[in-house]
Amino acid sequence: MTQPNEAATAGARAALDGFMEAFNREDAEAIRTRWFHFPHVRFHSGKVTVMATPSDYHNLV
């Protein structure tokens, strides 16, 4: 029987793996529709970018 922590770890790893695959493919559509939640806040290069809706996301990879 799988322990609860093992199931949670497997789910978290699957989510990270899916996001990284989309990121490495530079698949903006998959990132926007599957992996990001909105509003989405990004801290980068000394700036803060807030994307309120999926249409606000532009390929930043």
PDB file of N, CA and C in Angstrom:
ATOM      1  N   MET A   1       0.837  -1.179   0.000  1.00  0.00           N
ATOM      2  CA  MET A   1       0.000   0.000   0.000  1.00  0.00           C
ATOM      3  C   MET A   1       0.885   1.246   0.000  1.00  0.00           C
ATOM      4  N   THR A   2       0.524   2.237  -0.787  1.00  0.00           N
ATOM      5  CA  THR A   2       1.281   3.478  -0.886  1.00  0.00           C
ATOM      6  C   THR A   2       0.983   4.363   0.317  1.00  0.00           C
ATOM      7  N   GLN A   3       2.025   4.882   0.906  1.00  0.00           N
ATOM      8  CA  GLN A   3       1.867   5.807   2.027  1.00  0.00           C
ATOM      9  C   GLN A   3       1.416   7.169   1.494  1.00  0.00           C
ATOM     10  N   PRO A   4       0.660   7.941   2.276  1.00  0.00           N
ATOM     11  CA  PRO A   4       0.187   9.255   1.824  1.00  0.00           C
ATOM     12  C   PRO A   4       1.319  10.171   1.357  1.00  0.00           C
ATOM     13  N   ASN A   5       2.428  10.172   2.046  1.00  0.00           N
ATOM     14  CA  ASN A   5       3.530  11.044   1.644  1.00  0.00           C
ATOM     15  C   ASN A   5       4.111  10.625   0.301  1.00  0.00           C
ATOM     16  N   GLU A   6       4.133   9.331   0.027  1.00  0.00           N
ATOM     17  CA  GLU A   6       4.633   8.855  -1.262  1.00  0.00           C
ATOM     18  C   GLU A   6       3.720   9.304  -2.393  1.00  0.00           C
ATOM     19  N   ALA A   7       2.412   9.255  -2.171  1.00  0.00           N
ATOM     20  CA  ALA A   7       1.457   9.688  -3.187  1.00  0.00           C
ATOM     21  C   ALA A   7       1.584  11.191  -3.437  1.00  0.00           C
ATOM     22  N   ALA A   8       1.726  11.955  -2.370  1.00  0.00           N
ATOM     23  CA  ALA A   8       1.877  13.403  -2.521  1.00  0.00           C
ATOM     24  C   ALA A   8       3.169  13.735  -3.259  1.00  0.00           C
ATOM     25  N   THR A   9       4.240  13.033  -2.926  1.00  0.00           N
ATOM     26  CA  THR A   9       5.518  13.254  -3.593  1.00  0.00           C
ATOM     27  C   THR A   9       5.418  12.903  -5.072  1.00  0.00           C
ATOM     28  N   ALA A  10       4.776  11.791  -5.386  1.00  0.00           N
ATOM     29  CA  ALA A  10       4.614  11.384  -6.790  1.00  0.00           C
ATOM     30  C   ALA A  10       3.797  12.416  -7.563  1.00  0.00           C
ATOM     31  N   GLY A  11       2.750  12.952  -6.963  1.00  0.00           N
ATOM     32  CA  GLY A  11       1.937  13.973  -7.616  1.00  0.00           C
ATOM     33  C   GLY A  11       2.705  15.257  -7.853  1.00  0.00           C
ATOM     34  N   ALA A  12       3.484  15.660  -6.861  1.00  0.00           N
ATOM     35  CA  ALA A  12       4.290  16.874  -7.006  1.00  0.00           C
ATOM     36  C   ALA A  12       5.347  16.705  -8.085  1.00  0.00           C
ATOM     37  N   ARG A  13       5.982  15.543  -8.109  1.00  0.00           N
ATOM     38  CA  ARG A  13       6.998  15.285  -9.139  1.00  0.00           C
ATOM     39  C   ARG A  13       6.376  15.281 -10.534  1.00  0.00           C
ATOM     40  N   ALA A  14       5.191  14.710 -10.667  1.00  0.00           N
ATOM     41  CA  ALA A  14       4.514  14.677 -11.966  1.00  0.00           C
ATOM     42  C   ALA A  14       4.194  16.094 -12.444  1.00  0.00           C
ATOM     43  N   ALA A  15       3.755  16.953 -11.523  1.00  0.00           N
ATOM     44  CA  ALA A  15       3.452  18.337 -11.888  1.00  0.00           C
ATOM     45  C   ALA A  15       4.723  19.067 -12.320  1.00  0.00           C
ATOM     46  N   LEU A  16       5.790  18.910 -11.572  1.00  0.00           N
ATOM     47  CA  LEU A  16       7.045  19.563 -11.942  1.00  0.00           C
ATOM     48  C   LEU A  16       7.584  19.031 -13.259  1.00  0.00           C
ATOM     49  N   ASP A  17       7.522  17.728 -13.458  1.00  0.00           N
ATOM     50  CA  ASP A  17       7.997  17.138 -14.709  1.00  0.00           C
ATOM     51  C   ASP A  17       7.199  17.660 -15.900  1.00  0.00           C
ATOM     52  N   GLY A  18       5.877  17.747 -15.750  1.00  0.00           N
ATOM     53  CA  GLY A  18       5.045  18.252 -16.837  1.00  0.00           C
ATOM     54  C   GLY A  18       5.358  19.693 -17.167  1.00  0.00           C
ATOM     55  N   PHE A  19       5.500  20.525 -16.139  1.00  0.00           N
ATOM     56  CA  PHE A  19       5.839  21.923 -16.384  1.00  0.00           C
ATOM     57  C   PHE A  19       7.197  22.048 -17.057  1.00  0.00           C
ATOM     58  N   MET A  20       8.193  21.313 -16.560  1.00  0.00           N
ATOM     59  CA  MET A  20       9.543  21.416 -17.135  1.00  0.00           C
ATOM     60  C   MET A  20       9.572  20.943 -18.593  1.00  0.00           C
ATOM     61  N   GLU A  21       8.794  19.917 -18.911  1.00  0.00           N
ATOM     62  CA  GLU A  21       8.712  19.467 -20.309  1.00  0.00           C
ATOM     63  C   GLU A  21       8.152  20.573 -21.195  1.00  0.00           C
ATOM     64  N   ALA A  22       7.074  21.219 -20.758  1.00  0.00           N
ATOM     65  CA  ALA A  22       6.484  22.317 -21.526  1.00  0.00           C
ATOM     66  C   ALA A  22       7.455  23.489 -21.620  1.00  0.00           C
ATOM     67  N   PHE A  23       8.128  23.799 -20.536  1.00  0.00           N
ATOM     68  CA  PHE A  23       9.096  24.902 -20.508  1.00  0.00           C
ATOM     69  C   PHE A  23      10.239  24.629 -21.484  1.00  0.00           C
ATOM     70  N   ASN A  24      10.785  23.431 -21.450  1.00  0.00           N
ATOM     71  CA  ASN A  24      11.907  23.092 -22.322  1.00  0.00           C
ATOM     72  C   ASN A  24      11.505  23.053 -23.793  1.00  0.00           C
ATOM     73  N   ARG A  25      10.249  22.737 -24.069  1.00  0.00           N
ATOM     74  CA  ARG A  25       9.746  22.762 -25.452  1.00  0.00           C
ATOM     75  C   ARG A  25       9.376  24.180 -25.879  1.00  0.00           C
ATOM     76  N   GLU A  26       9.427  25.117 -24.914  1.00  0.00           N
ATOM     77  CA  GLU A  26       8.980  26.496 -25.123  1.00  0.00           C
ATOM     78  C   GLU A  26       7.535  26.507 -25.616  1.00  0.00           C
ATOM     79  N   ASP A  27       6.721  25.668 -24.999  1.00  0.00           N
ATOM     80  CA  ASP A  27       5.322  25.498 -25.358  1.00  0.00           C
ATOM     81  C   ASP A  27       4.470  26.459 -24.531  1.00  0.00           C
ATOM     82  N   ALA A  28       4.375  27.688 -25.023  1.00  0.00           N
ATOM     83  CA  ALA A  28       3.660  28.734 -24.293  1.00  0.00           C
ATOM     84  C   ALA A  28       2.198  28.370 -24.072  1.00  0.00           C
ATOM     85  N   GLU A  29       1.585  27.720 -25.044  1.00  0.00           N
ATOM     86  CA  GLU A  29       0.170  27.358 -24.910  1.00  0.00           C
ATOM     87  C   GLU A  29      -0.040  26.364 -23.764  1.00  0.00           C
ATOM     88  N   ALA A  30       0.812  25.359 -23.671  1.00  0.00           N
ATOM     89  CA  ALA A  30       0.690  24.390 -22.575  1.00  0.00           C
ATOM     90  C   ALA A  30       0.954  25.058 -21.231  1.00  0.00           C
ATOM     91  N   ILE A  31       1.946  25.926 -21.185  1.00  0.00           N
ATOM     92  CA  ILE A  31       2.237  26.628 -19.933  1.00  0.00           C
ATOM     93  C   ILE A  31       1.031  27.464 -19.520  1.00  0.00           C
ATOM     94  N   ARG A  32       0.475  28.190 -20.463  1.00  0.00           N
ATOM     95  CA  ARG A  32      -0.648  29.090 -20.173  1.00  0.00           C
ATOM     96  C   ARG A  32      -1.903  28.315 -19.769  1.00  0.00           C
ATOM     97  N   THR A  33      -2.197  27.216 -20.452  1.00  0.00           N
ATOM     98  CA  THR A  33      -3.473  26.546 -20.232  1.00  0.00           C
ATOM     99  C   THR A  33      -3.414  25.400 -19.235  1.00  0.00           C
ATOM    100  N   ARG A  34      -2.230  24.828 -19.020  1.00  0.00           N
ATOM    101  CA  ARG A  34      -2.144  23.644 -18.160  1.00  0.00           C
ATOM    102  C   ARG A  34      -1.388  23.895 -16.859  1.00  0.00           C
ATOM    103  N   TRP A  35      -0.337  24.696 -16.905  1.00  0.00           N
ATOM    104  CA  TRP A  35       0.581  24.733 -15.770  1.00  0.00           C
ATOM    105  C   TRP A  35       0.513  26.001 -14.935  1.00  0.00           C
ATOM    106  N   PHE A  36       0.106  27.107 -15.502  1.00  0.00           N
ATOM    107  CA  PHE A  36       0.003  28.329 -14.712  1.00  0.00           C
ATOM    108  C   PHE A  36      -1.414  28.472 -14.173  1.00  0.00           C
ATOM    109  N   HIS A  37      -1.519  29.106 -13.033  1.00  0.00           N
ATOM    110  CA  HIS A  37      -2.804  29.498 -12.466  1.00  0.00           C
ATOM    111  C   HIS A  37      -2.828  31.018 -12.496  1.00  0.00           C
ATOM    112  N   PHE A  38      -3.998  31.579 -12.686  1.00  0.00           N
ATOM    113  CA  PHE A  38      -4.102  33.032 -12.814  1.00  0.00           C
ATOM    114  C   PHE A  38      -5.029  33.576 -11.753  1.00  0.00           C
ATOM    115  N   PRO A  39      -4.680  34.736 -11.184  1.00  0.00           N
ATOM    116  CA  PRO A  39      -3.546  35.564 -11.580  1.00  0.00           C
ATOM    117  C   PRO A  39      -2.217  34.872 -11.261  1.00  0.00           C
ATOM    118  N   HIS A  40      -1.234  35.122 -12.108  1.00  0.00           N
ATOM    119  CA  HIS A  40       0.096  34.537 -11.960  1.00  0.00           C
ATOM    120  C   HIS A  40       1.083  35.674 -11.713  1.00  0.00           C
ATOM    121  N   VAL A  41       1.920  35.526 -10.704  1.00  0.00           N
ATOM    122  CA  VAL A  41       2.904  36.555 -10.358  1.00  0.00           C
ATOM    123  C   VAL A  41       4.288  35.982 -10.616  1.00  0.00           C
ATOM    124  N   ARG A  42       5.112  36.750 -11.302  1.00  0.00           N
ATOM    125  CA  ARG A  42       6.472  36.310 -11.623  1.00  0.00           C
ATOM    126  C   ARG A  42       7.457  37.365 -11.109  1.00  0.00           C
ATOM    127  N   PHE A  43       8.428  36.904 -10.333  1.00  0.00           N
ATOM    128  CA  PHE A  43       9.506  37.754  -9.834  1.00  0.00           C
ATOM    129  C   PHE A  43      10.730  37.439 -10.682  1.00  0.00           C
ATOM    130  N   HIS A  44      11.289  38.441 -11.366  1.00  0.00           N
ATOM    131  CA  HIS A  44      12.416  38.191 -12.262  1.00  0.00           C
ATOM    132  C   HIS A  44      13.165  39.484 -12.551  1.00  0.00           C
ATOM    133  N   SER A  45      14.443  39.371 -12.693  1.00  0.00           N
ATOM    134  CA  SER A  45      15.298  40.488 -13.110  1.00  0.00           C
ATOM    135  C   SER A  45      15.017  41.768 -12.333  1.00  0.00           C
ATOM    136  N   GLY A  46      14.756  41.646 -11.036  1.00  0.00           N
ATOM    137  CA  GLY A  46      14.485  42.811 -10.214  1.00  0.00           C
ATOM    138  C   GLY A  46      13.110  43.416 -10.449  1.00  0.00           C
ATOM    139  N   LYS A  47      12.227  42.693 -11.156  1.00  0.00           N
ATOM    140  CA  LYS A  47      10.887  43.193 -11.457  1.00  0.00           C
ATOM    141  C   LYS A  47       9.843  42.205 -10.939  1.00  0.00           C
ATOM    142  N   VAL A  48       8.621  42.677 -10.890  1.00  0.00           N
ATOM    143  CA  VAL A  48       7.478  41.831 -10.584  1.00  0.00           C
ATOM    144  C   VAL A  48       6.498  41.977 -11.743  1.00  0.00           C
ATOM    145  N   THR A  49       6.119  40.859 -12.345  1.00  0.00           N
ATOM    146  CA  THR A  49       5.147  40.866 -13.435  1.00  0.00           C
ATOM    147  C   THR A  49       3.905  40.133 -12.955  1.00  0.00           C
ATOM    148  N   VAL A  50       2.752  40.772 -13.095  1.00  0.00           N
ATOM    149  CA  VAL A  50       1.486  40.160 -12.720  1.00  0.00           C
ATOM    150  C   VAL A  50       0.693  39.919 -13.998  1.00  0.00           C
ATOM    151  N   MET A  51       0.308  38.668 -14.198  1.00  0.00           N
ATOM    152  CA  MET A  51      -0.526  38.299 -15.340  1.00  0.00           C
ATOM    153  C   MET A  51      -1.886  37.909 -14.769  1.00  0.00           C
ATOM    154  N   ALA A  52      -2.889  38.735 -14.994  1.00  0.00           N
ATOM    155  CA  ALA A  52      -4.202  38.526 -14.393  1.00  0.00           C
ATOM    156  C   ALA A  52      -4.981  37.390 -15.054  1.00  0.00           C
ATOM    157  N   THR A  53      -4.816  37.225 -16.354  1.00  0.00           N
ATOM    158  CA  THR A  53      -5.561  36.210 -17.105  1.00  0.00           C
ATOM    159  C   THR A  53      -4.600  35.477 -18.033  1.00  0.00           C
ATOM    160  N   PRO A  54      -4.999  34.308 -18.548  1.00  0.00           N
ATOM    161  CA  PRO A  54      -4.133  33.593 -19.486  1.00  0.00           C
ATOM    162  C   PRO A  54      -3.746  34.418 -20.699  1.00  0.00           C
ATOM    163  N   SER A  55      -4.620  35.312 -21.151  1.00  0.00           N
ATOM    164  CA  SER A  55      -4.282  36.137 -22.325  1.00  0.00           C
ATOM    165  C   SER A  55      -3.177  37.144 -22.019  1.00  0.00           C
ATOM    166  N   ASP A  56      -2.905  37.409 -20.744  1.00  0.00           N
ATOM    167  CA  ASP A  56      -1.824  38.316 -20.375  1.00  0.00           C
ATOM    168  C   ASP A  56      -0.451  37.642 -20.467  1.00  0.00           C
ATOM    169  N   TYR A  57      -0.457  36.315 -20.538  1.00  0.00           N
ATOM    170  CA  TYR A  57       0.815  35.578 -20.591  1.00  0.00           C
ATOM    171  C   TYR A  57       1.393  35.662 -21.993  1.00  0.00           C
ATOM    172  N   HIS A  58       2.629  36.061 -22.058  1.00  0.00           N
ATOM    173  CA  HIS A  58       3.375  36.043 -23.314  1.00  0.00           C
ATOM    174  C   HIS A  58       4.575  35.146 -23.071  1.00  0.00           C
ATOM    175  N   ASN A  59       5.020  34.500 -24.083  1.00  0.00           N
ATOM    176  CA  ASN A  59       6.117  33.543 -23.929  1.00  0.00           C
ATOM    177  C   ASN A  59       7.332  34.236 -23.330  1.00  0.00           C
ATOM    178  N   LEU A  60       7.570  33.978 -22.054  1.00  0.00           N
ATOM    179  CA  LEU A  60       8.697  34.607 -21.351  1.00  0.00           C
ATOM    180  C   LEU A  60       9.886  33.691 -21.246  1.00  0.00           C
ATOM    181  N   VAL A  61       9.792  32.505 -21.833  1.00  0.00           N
ATOM    182  CA  VAL A  61      10.894  31.548 -21.736  1.00  0.00           C
ATOM    183  C   VAL A  61      11.897  31.794 -22.833  1.00  0.00           C
TER     184      VAL A  61
END
